[in-house]
Amino acid sequence: MLRALDLIAIKPVKAVRTGLVAGMIALLSACAGQQGAGPGGGTGDQFANAPGGPQSAAIGTGQVKVGLILPLSAPGNAGLVAQSMKNSAELAIAEFNSPNIQLLVKDDGGTSLGAQQAAQQALDEGAEIILGPLFAQSVQAVGGVARNRNVPVIAFSTDTSVATRGVNLLSFLPESDVNRIVNFAFTNGKKSFAALVQDNAYGLVIEAAFKEAVARRGGRVVAMQRYEFDQVKMQTAVKTVAQFTDQVDAILIADGPDVVPTVAQMLVTNGFNMKKVQLLGTGLWDDQRIFSDTALNGGWYPAPDGAGFANFSNRYRQKYGQDPVRTATLSYDATALVAALVKTQGGQRFTPEVLTSGSGFAGIDGVFRFRQDGTNERGLAIFRATPSGGQQISPAPKSFGASGT
């Protein structure tokens, strides 16, 4: 599904304050010499039966306390993802060569009540900032506790409804995908659009963002249809959109590889001219099943440059003997960002002015910045779907200009 950039640590794109760049260069140099550190190598990973249960831990020995809340004991995939994200945070500390932070790892069990209790424990133990949690309801619970103590949060949910001032989302947001692909399409002469989105939470977010992005550029959405994941009901929505094949320059199919090939085939069957109309996708298109479908060849989609995640995966594999989950870079980047700000920003390290710097930061998955409302903006590349994989046709920006991505 997701993304990437070839920087070992977070660094600011431009100085937030005088001297920040010099400090970050030093951190990057120290970090580069720490690749492949062994388990617990220099991080002070000490597990204890803290109130949060057997999954509570302290990673690092620095003076600045940082809460890290993850669903470590949650059943199924959630627990596996959480463990990979914890490992990645540990890797970030190891590669920063013992920065002046200590991660207070707390297990929320995948519930909002568990998250609330974990946040309270972390704050009681002196956490100045909280990283995580993963799920929207848990983020909301943590945000309420942290706000009462005037402590910022950098969370990993993709649900922008839980973002707010002081609760920043570092996740990959659908809105970033939409803005990037629409801007690129306009740059390449596309002004009239159609879209097919699944009738679910993801689809509704995409629909709103798409309409706003197209209107902002002065274009028009000629046809927009939602569909249910049902072949019969899907047929009606696709047939409606197919009638506009001669009136649109591009069509967005905002879904994943389990669905997009079926939608594309239905469009062809209903007479939609896939050769004349430019296909557009989201980051969910970054998948071999998309590339191997000939009907989707030539489609454009946004994603991070892949080199960063490949580099990160190699280092993670050397340390832990297995591959990281794709979202593991989020906890790495969050930890690295905190370590960098502690190193360079003194007592102002976690203020809103520093965290929402307009120039942003750069990490494993490219440049990013937090908006005032808690959402984020990411610098994404544009790829073309080909049988051999995604072919980059527009690079990710290295910094943010006035127009962002």
Protein backbone atom coordinates (compact mmCIF):
# COMPACT_ATOMS: atom_id res chain seq x y z
CA MET A 1 0.00 0.00 0.00
CA LEU A 2 2.25 2.75 1.15
CA ARG A 3 5.47 4.72 0.70
CA ALA A 4 9.33 6.03 1.32
CA LEU A 5 12.99 8.37 1.34
CA ASP A 6 16.66 7.68 1.86
CA LEU A 7 17.39 9.60 5.06
CA ILE A 8 18.32 7.69 8.18
CA ALA A 9 16.91 10.32 10.51
CA ILE A 10 14.51 13.21 10.61
CA LYS A 11 15.91 16.58 9.77
CA PRO A 12 14.32 19.98 9.26
CA VAL A 13 14.07 21.13 5.65
CA LYS A 14 14.93 24.68 6.71
CA ALA A 15 16.04 25.98 10.07
CA VAL A 16 13.18 26.39 12.50
CA ARG A 17 15.60 28.48 14.55
CA THR A 18 19.16 29.65 14.13
CA GLY A 19 21.57 26.75 14.49
CA LEU A 20 19.01 24.00 13.88
CA VAL A 21 20.50 22.82 10.60
CA ALA A 22 23.98 22.45 12.03
CA GLY A 23 22.65 20.42 14.91
CA MET A 24 20.71 18.15 12.60
CA ILE A 25 23.72 17.49 10.38
CA ALA A 26 25.62 16.33 13.44
CA LEU A 27 22.76 14.03 14.37
CA LEU A 28 22.62 12.54 10.90
CA SER A 29 26.35 11.86 10.96
CA ALA A 30 26.13 10.13 14.31
CA CYS A 31 23.11 8.17 13.14
CA ALA A 32 24.82 6.92 9.99
CA GLY A 33 27.47 5.18 12.04
CA GLN A 34 24.94 3.16 14.00
CA GLN A 35 23.37 1.00 11.32
CA GLY A 36 22.88 -2.63 12.17
CA ALA A 37 23.20 -2.31 15.94
CA GLY A 38 22.34 -5.53 17.75
CA PRO A 39 19.15 -6.05 19.79
CA GLY A 40 19.06 -3.53 22.60
CA GLY A 41 22.37 -2.14 21.33
CA GLY A 42 22.99 0.90 23.48
CA THR A 43 19.28 1.72 23.84
CA GLY A 44 18.78 0.68 27.46
CA ASP A 45 15.68 -1.45 26.69
CA GLN A 46 14.40 -2.35 30.16
CA PHE A 47 11.06 -4.14 30.53
CA ALA A 48 9.21 -3.95 33.80
CA ASN A 49 5.84 -4.87 35.26
CA ALA A 50 4.67 -1.28 35.21
CA PRO A 51 0.97 -0.42 35.66
CA GLY A 52 0.49 -0.75 31.91
CA GLY A 53 1.16 -4.48 32.11
CA PRO A 54 3.97 -6.72 30.89
CA GLN A 55 4.26 -4.73 27.67
CA SER A 56 5.36 -1.56 29.45
CA ALA A 57 9.01 -0.73 28.80
CA ALA A 58 11.62 1.96 28.92
CA ILE A 59 13.84 2.39 25.86
CA GLY A 60 16.82 4.70 26.12
CA THR A 61 18.38 6.38 29.11
CA GLY A 62 17.96 10.08 28.25
CA GLN A 63 16.55 12.76 30.52
CA VAL A 64 13.61 13.80 28.32
CA LYS A 65 10.68 11.41 28.78
CA VAL A 66 8.59 10.54 25.72
CA GLY A 67 5.45 8.38 25.82
CA LEU A 68 5.01 5.74 23.09
CA ILE A 69 1.54 4.17 23.11
CA LEU A 70 0.84 1.14 20.91
CA PRO A 71 -1.63 -1.80 20.93
CA LEU A 72 1.09 -4.33 21.78
CA SER A 73 -1.21 -6.91 23.34
CA ALA A 74 -4.06 -6.47 20.87
CA PRO A 75 -5.03 -9.70 19.06
CA GLY A 76 -4.21 -10.48 15.46
CA ASN A 77 -2.55 -8.11 13.04
CA ALA A 78 -2.80 -5.08 15.31
CA GLY A 79 -0.41 -6.58 17.83
CA LEU A 80 2.04 -7.57 15.11
CA VAL A 81 1.99 -4.08 13.65
CA ALA A 82 2.49 -2.57 17.10
CA GLN A 83 5.54 -4.73 17.81
CA SER A 84 7.12 -3.76 14.49
CA MET A 85 6.49 -0.08 15.26
CA LYS A 86 8.02 -0.46 18.72
CA ASN A 87 11.08 -2.10 17.16
CA SER A 88 11.37 0.80 14.73
CA ALA A 89 11.30 3.36 17.52
CA GLU A 90 14.06 1.39 19.26
CA LEU A 91 16.04 1.32 16.00
CA ALA A 92 15.74 5.11 15.71
CA ILE A 93 17.22 5.58 19.16
CA ALA A 94 20.04 3.15 18.40
CA GLU A 95 20.88 4.93 15.16
CA PHE A 96 20.87 8.32 16.85
CA ASN A 97 23.65 7.07 19.12
CA SER A 98 21.90 7.40 22.49
CA PRO A 99 20.03 10.71 22.19
CA ASN A 100 18.84 12.47 25.32
CA ILE A 101 15.40 10.86 25.36
CA GLN A 102 13.78 7.90 27.04
CA LEU A 103 10.76 6.20 25.49
CA LEU A 104 8.11 5.15 27.99
CA VAL A 105 6.45 2.36 26.01
CA LYS A 106 2.84 1.76 27.04
CA ASP A 107 0.43 -0.92 25.83
CA ASP A 108 -3.13 0.27 25.21
CA GLY A 109 -4.44 -3.18 24.27
CA GLY A 110 -6.14 -1.69 21.23
CA THR A 111 -8.89 0.00 23.27
CA SER A 112 -9.71 3.63 24.03
CA LEU A 113 -9.85 2.93 27.77
CA GLY A 114 -6.45 1.26 27.61
CA ALA A 115 -5.11 4.25 25.68
CA GLN A 116 -6.49 6.69 28.22
CA GLN A 117 -4.86 4.79 31.07
CA ALA A 118 -1.57 4.45 29.16
CA ALA A 119 -1.49 8.19 28.48
CA GLN A 120 -2.15 8.97 32.12
CA GLN A 121 0.68 6.66 33.20
CA ALA A 122 3.12 8.18 30.70
CA LEU A 123 2.25 11.71 31.81
CA ASP A 124 2.50 10.80 35.47
CA GLU A 125 5.99 9.47 34.73
CA GLY A 126 7.01 12.78 33.19
CA ALA A 127 6.35 12.41 29.43
CA GLU A 128 6.71 15.76 27.64
CA ILE A 129 5.22 14.47 24.39
CA ILE A 130 3.28 11.35 23.39
CA LEU A 131 3.85 9.29 20.24
CA GLY A 132 0.91 7.15 19.15
CA PRO A 133 -1.52 5.54 19.52
CA LEU A 134 -2.56 3.76 16.35
CA PHE A 135 -6.39 3.67 16.27
CA ALA A 136 -8.70 6.66 15.96
CA GLN A 137 -10.72 6.08 19.12
CA SER A 138 -7.52 5.59 21.08
CA VAL A 139 -6.05 8.81 19.66
CA GLN A 140 -9.16 10.68 20.73
CA ALA A 141 -8.86 9.29 24.26
CA VAL A 142 -5.15 10.13 24.50
CA GLY A 143 -5.72 13.60 23.10
CA GLY A 144 -8.19 14.42 25.83
CA VAL A 145 -5.79 13.38 28.59
CA ALA A 146 -2.77 15.09 27.01
CA ARG A 147 -4.64 18.32 26.33
CA ASN A 148 -5.44 18.69 30.02
CA ARG A 149 -1.71 18.61 30.74
CA ASN A 150 -0.75 20.80 27.75
CA VAL A 151 1.31 17.95 26.25
CA PRO A 152 1.41 17.49 22.43
CA VAL A 153 0.66 14.21 20.66
CA ILE A 154 2.04 12.78 17.42
CA ALA A 155 -0.33 9.93 16.52
CA PHE A 156 -0.50 7.32 13.77
CA SER A 157 -4.21 7.12 12.86
CA THR A 158 -5.35 7.93 9.32
CA ASP A 159 -8.71 9.29 10.54
CA THR A 160 -8.44 13.06 10.23
CA SER A 161 -11.53 13.56 12.41
CA VAL A 162 -9.33 12.96 15.48
CA ALA A 163 -6.70 15.49 14.43
CA THR A 164 -6.77 18.84 16.20
CA ARG A 165 -4.39 21.49 17.40
CA GLY A 166 -1.91 19.66 19.59
CA VAL A 167 -2.89 16.22 18.29
CA ASN A 168 -0.82 15.79 15.12
CA LEU A 169 -1.17 12.87 12.72
CA LEU A 170 2.03 11.54 11.13
CA SER A 171 0.17 8.87 9.14
CA PHE A 172 -0.36 8.64 5.40
CA LEU A 173 -3.56 10.62 4.84
CA PRO A 174 -5.83 10.13 1.81
CA GLU A 175 -6.08 13.90 1.41
CA SER A 176 -2.36 14.12 0.62
CA ASP A 177 -2.76 11.54 -2.12
CA VAL A 178 -5.69 13.38 -3.65
CA ASN A 179 -4.06 16.81 -3.57
CA ARG A 180 -0.87 15.52 -5.17
CA ILE A 181 -2.53 13.56 -7.98
CA VAL A 182 -5.01 16.34 -8.79
CA ASN A 183 -2.25 18.97 -8.91
CA PHE A 184 -0.17 16.74 -11.17
CA ALA A 185 -3.13 16.06 -13.44
CA PHE A 186 -3.82 19.79 -13.82
CA THR A 187 -0.15 20.44 -14.55
CA ASN A 188 -0.52 17.98 -17.40
CA GLY A 189 -3.62 19.58 -18.90
CA LYS A 190 -6.42 17.61 -17.23
CA LYS A 191 -9.35 19.80 -16.26
CA SER A 192 -12.48 17.64 -16.37
CA PHE A 193 -12.74 14.69 -14.01
CA ALA A 194 -14.80 11.67 -13.08
CA ALA A 195 -14.38 9.56 -9.97
CA LEU A 196 -15.48 6.22 -8.55
CA VAL A 197 -15.11 5.75 -4.79
CA GLN A 198 -16.22 2.95 -2.53
CA ASP A 199 -19.13 3.81 -0.23
CA ASN A 200 -17.14 3.57 2.99
CA ALA A 201 -15.22 5.89 5.31
CA TYR A 202 -12.14 5.96 3.05
CA GLY A 203 -14.25 6.69 -0.01
CA LEU A 204 -16.12 9.54 1.66
CA VAL A 205 -12.85 11.21 2.69
CA ILE A 206 -11.51 10.81 -0.84
CA GLU A 207 -14.70 12.24 -2.37
CA ALA A 208 -14.63 15.37 -0.23
CA ALA A 209 -10.92 15.94 -0.80
CA PHE A 210 -11.25 15.34 -4.55
CA LYS A 211 -14.08 17.82 -5.02
CA GLU A 212 -12.19 20.44 -3.02
CA ALA A 213 -8.89 19.88 -4.85
CA VAL A 214 -10.47 20.06 -8.32
CA ALA A 215 -12.47 23.18 -7.43
CA ARG A 216 -9.36 24.84 -6.00
CA ARG A 217 -7.64 24.41 -9.36
CA GLY A 218 -10.65 25.71 -11.31
CA GLY A 219 -11.58 22.35 -12.81
CA ARG A 220 -14.84 20.45 -12.71
CA VAL A 221 -16.01 17.06 -11.53
CA VAL A 222 -18.31 15.89 -14.30
CA ALA A 223 -19.27 12.56 -12.70
CA MET A 224 -18.84 11.20 -9.19
CA GLN A 225 -20.28 7.87 -8.06
CA ARG A 226 -20.03 5.80 -4.89
CA TYR A 227 -20.29 2.04 -5.06
CA GLU A 228 -20.71 -0.80 -2.61
CA PHE A 229 -18.32 -3.73 -2.75
CA ASP A 230 -20.87 -5.86 -4.54
CA GLN A 231 -20.60 -6.78 -8.22
CA VAL A 232 -24.26 -6.09 -9.01
CA LYS A 233 -24.50 -2.77 -7.15
CA MET A 234 -21.07 -1.74 -8.41
CA GLN A 235 -22.24 -2.21 -12.00
CA THR A 236 -24.83 0.57 -11.65
CA ALA A 237 -22.30 3.14 -10.44
CA VAL A 238 -19.74 2.20 -13.09
CA LYS A 239 -22.33 2.32 -15.88
CA THR A 240 -23.38 5.80 -14.82
CA VAL A 241 -19.82 7.11 -14.93
CA ALA A 242 -19.06 5.35 -18.23
CA GLN A 243 -21.63 7.52 -19.98
CA PHE A 244 -19.31 10.50 -19.54
CA THR A 245 -16.30 8.99 -21.31
CA ASP A 246 -16.27 11.75 -23.95
CA GLN A 247 -16.57 14.57 -21.39
CA VAL A 248 -13.69 13.87 -19.04
CA ASP A 249 -9.92 14.09 -19.24
CA ALA A 250 -9.19 11.83 -16.25
CA ILE A 251 -10.91 9.41 -13.92
CA LEU A 252 -9.98 8.63 -10.32
CA ILE A 253 -10.54 5.06 -9.12
CA ALA A 254 -9.89 5.42 -5.42
CA ASP A 255 -9.57 1.89 -4.11
CA GLY A 256 -7.08 -0.89 -3.52
CA PRO A 257 -5.83 -3.80 -5.64
CA ASP A 258 -8.67 -6.10 -4.54
CA VAL A 259 -11.22 -3.84 -6.20
CA VAL A 260 -9.63 -1.57 -8.81
CA PRO A 261 -9.10 -4.26 -11.51
CA THR A 262 -12.79 -5.20 -11.28
CA VAL A 263 -13.89 -1.57 -11.57
CA ALA A 264 -11.57 -1.06 -14.56
CA GLN A 265 -12.94 -4.13 -16.34
CA MET A 266 -16.50 -2.96 -15.77
CA LEU A 267 -15.62 0.45 -17.24
CA VAL A 268 -14.23 -1.21 -20.37
CA THR A 269 -17.30 -3.44 -20.67
CA ASN A 270 -19.54 -0.38 -20.47
CA GLY A 271 -17.69 1.42 -23.26
CA PHE A 272 -15.43 3.71 -21.26
CA ASN A 273 -12.41 4.72 -23.35
CA MET A 274 -9.46 3.78 -21.13
CA LYS A 275 -6.98 4.83 -23.84
CA LYS A 276 -8.33 8.35 -24.15
CA VAL A 277 -9.03 9.12 -20.48
CA GLN A 278 -6.15 9.26 -18.01
CA LEU A 279 -6.48 6.81 -15.11
CA LEU A 280 -5.70 8.20 -11.64
CA GLY A 281 -5.23 6.30 -8.40
CA THR A 282 -4.21 6.83 -4.79
CA GLY A 283 -1.33 5.36 -2.80
CA LEU A 284 -3.32 2.11 -2.59
CA TRP A 285 -2.28 1.50 -6.21
CA ASP A 286 1.31 0.87 -5.18
CA ASP A 287 0.83 -2.91 -5.49
CA GLN A 288 1.93 -5.66 -7.86
CA ARG A 289 -1.70 -6.64 -8.54
CA ILE A 290 -2.27 -3.20 -10.05
CA PHE A 291 0.89 -3.40 -12.14
CA SER A 292 0.02 -6.81 -13.57
CA ASP A 293 -3.41 -5.70 -14.83
CA THR A 294 -3.01 -4.50 -18.42
CA ALA A 295 -6.15 -2.35 -18.24
CA LEU A 296 -4.46 -0.24 -15.57
CA ASN A 297 -1.12 0.22 -17.33
CA GLY A 298 -0.35 3.92 -17.73
CA GLY A 299 -2.37 4.96 -14.69
CA TRP A 300 -0.86 7.63 -12.45
CA TYR A 301 -0.73 7.40 -8.67
CA PRO A 302 1.11 9.18 -5.81
CA ALA A 303 3.56 7.48 -3.44
CA PRO A 304 6.83 8.25 -1.69
CA ASP A 305 10.12 7.55 -3.42
CA GLY A 306 10.81 3.87 -2.72
CA ALA A 307 14.50 4.09 -1.86
CA GLY A 308 13.98 5.26 1.70
CA PHE A 309 11.83 2.35 2.78
CA ALA A 310 14.14 -0.14 1.08
CA ASN A 311 17.12 1.28 2.97
CA PHE A 312 15.19 1.29 6.24
CA SER A 313 13.97 -2.29 5.69
CA ASN A 314 17.53 -3.53 5.23
CA ARG A 315 18.63 -1.98 8.51
CA TYR A 316 15.56 -3.27 10.32
CA ARG A 317 16.11 -6.78 8.93
CA GLN A 318 19.73 -6.78 10.08
CA LYS A 319 18.67 -5.89 13.62
CA TYR A 320 15.52 -7.97 14.05
CA GLY A 321 15.83 -10.77 11.49
CA GLN A 322 12.50 -10.04 9.82
CA ASP A 323 10.82 -7.46 7.60
CA PRO A 324 9.11 -4.41 9.11
CA VAL A 325 5.47 -3.62 8.50
CA ARG A 326 5.02 -0.74 6.07
CA THR A 327 3.81 1.65 8.75
CA ALA A 328 6.89 1.01 10.91
CA THR A 329 8.53 4.09 9.40
CA LEU A 330 5.95 6.25 11.19
CA SER A 331 7.23 5.36 14.65
CA TYR A 332 10.84 5.60 13.44
CA ASP A 333 10.28 9.08 12.02
CA ALA A 334 8.32 10.24 15.07
CA THR A 335 11.07 9.06 17.43
CA ALA A 336 13.81 10.54 15.27
CA LEU A 337 11.96 13.84 15.06
CA VAL A 338 11.63 14.04 18.84
CA ALA A 339 15.31 13.16 19.31
CA ALA A 340 16.30 15.87 16.84
CA LEU A 341 14.14 18.53 18.46
CA VAL A 342 15.50 17.68 21.89
CA LYS A 343 19.03 18.06 20.49
CA THR A 344 18.42 21.34 18.72
CA GLN A 345 15.50 23.23 20.23
CA GLY A 346 16.12 23.39 23.96
CA GLY A 347 13.12 24.34 26.05
CA GLN A 348 11.07 25.23 22.96
CA ARG A 349 11.40 21.73 21.52
CA PHE A 350 7.74 20.67 21.52
CA THR A 351 5.96 24.00 21.18
CA PRO A 352 3.29 24.37 18.46
CA GLU A 353 5.54 26.84 16.62
CA VAL A 354 8.32 24.25 16.30
CA LEU A 355 6.11 21.24 15.54
CA THR A 356 4.10 23.10 12.89
CA SER A 357 7.05 24.73 11.18
CA GLY A 358 5.98 25.60 7.64
CA SER A 359 9.26 24.35 6.18
CA GLY A 360 8.58 20.92 7.64
CA PHE A 361 10.92 17.99 8.19
CA ALA A 362 12.34 15.14 6.13
CA GLY A 363 12.45 11.50 7.14
CA ILE A 364 12.31 7.95 5.83
CA ASP A 365 9.20 8.67 3.76
CA GLY A 366 10.15 12.09 2.46
CA VAL A 367 9.31 15.63 3.50
CA PHE A 368 6.32 16.26 5.71
CA ARG A 369 4.87 19.01 7.84
CA PHE A 370 2.11 19.25 10.40
CA ARG A 371 -0.71 21.68 9.74
CA GLN A 372 -2.24 23.83 12.44
CA ASP A 373 -5.32 21.58 12.53
CA GLY A 374 -3.24 18.48 13.32
CA THR A 375 -3.31 16.93 9.85
CA ASN A 376 -0.17 16.67 7.76
CA GLU A 377 1.10 17.36 4.28
CA ARG A 378 3.59 15.01 2.60
CA GLY A 379 5.84 15.40 -0.38
CA LEU A 380 4.94 12.54 -2.73
CA ALA A 381 6.29 11.39 -6.07
CA ILE A 382 4.05 10.43 -9.01
CA PHE A 383 4.34 6.98 -10.55
CA ARG A 384 3.02 5.34 -13.71
CA ALA A 385 1.70 1.79 -13.41
CA THR A 386 3.64 -0.54 -15.73
CA PRO A 387 3.93 -4.35 -15.97
CA SER A 388 7.39 -4.12 -14.36
CA GLY A 389 6.18 -1.98 -11.45
CA GLY A 390 5.69 1.67 -10.62
CA GLN A 391 7.77 3.97 -12.84
CA GLN A 392 8.46 7.36 -11.30
CA ILE A 393 7.46 10.17 -13.64
CA SER A 394 7.58 13.11 -11.21
CA PRO A 395 9.90 13.26 -8.20
CA ALA A 396 8.81 13.99 -4.68
CA PRO A 397 9.60 17.56 -3.64
CA LYS A 398 12.64 17.97 -1.42
CA SER A 399 11.07 20.91 0.40
CA PHE A 400 7.79 22.76 0.65
CA GLY A 401 7.16 25.85 -1.42
CA ALA A 402 4.30 28.24 -1.08
CA SER A 403 1.95 25.75 -2.77
CA GLY A 404 3.14 22.73 -0.78
CA THR A 405 2.96 19.46 -2.72
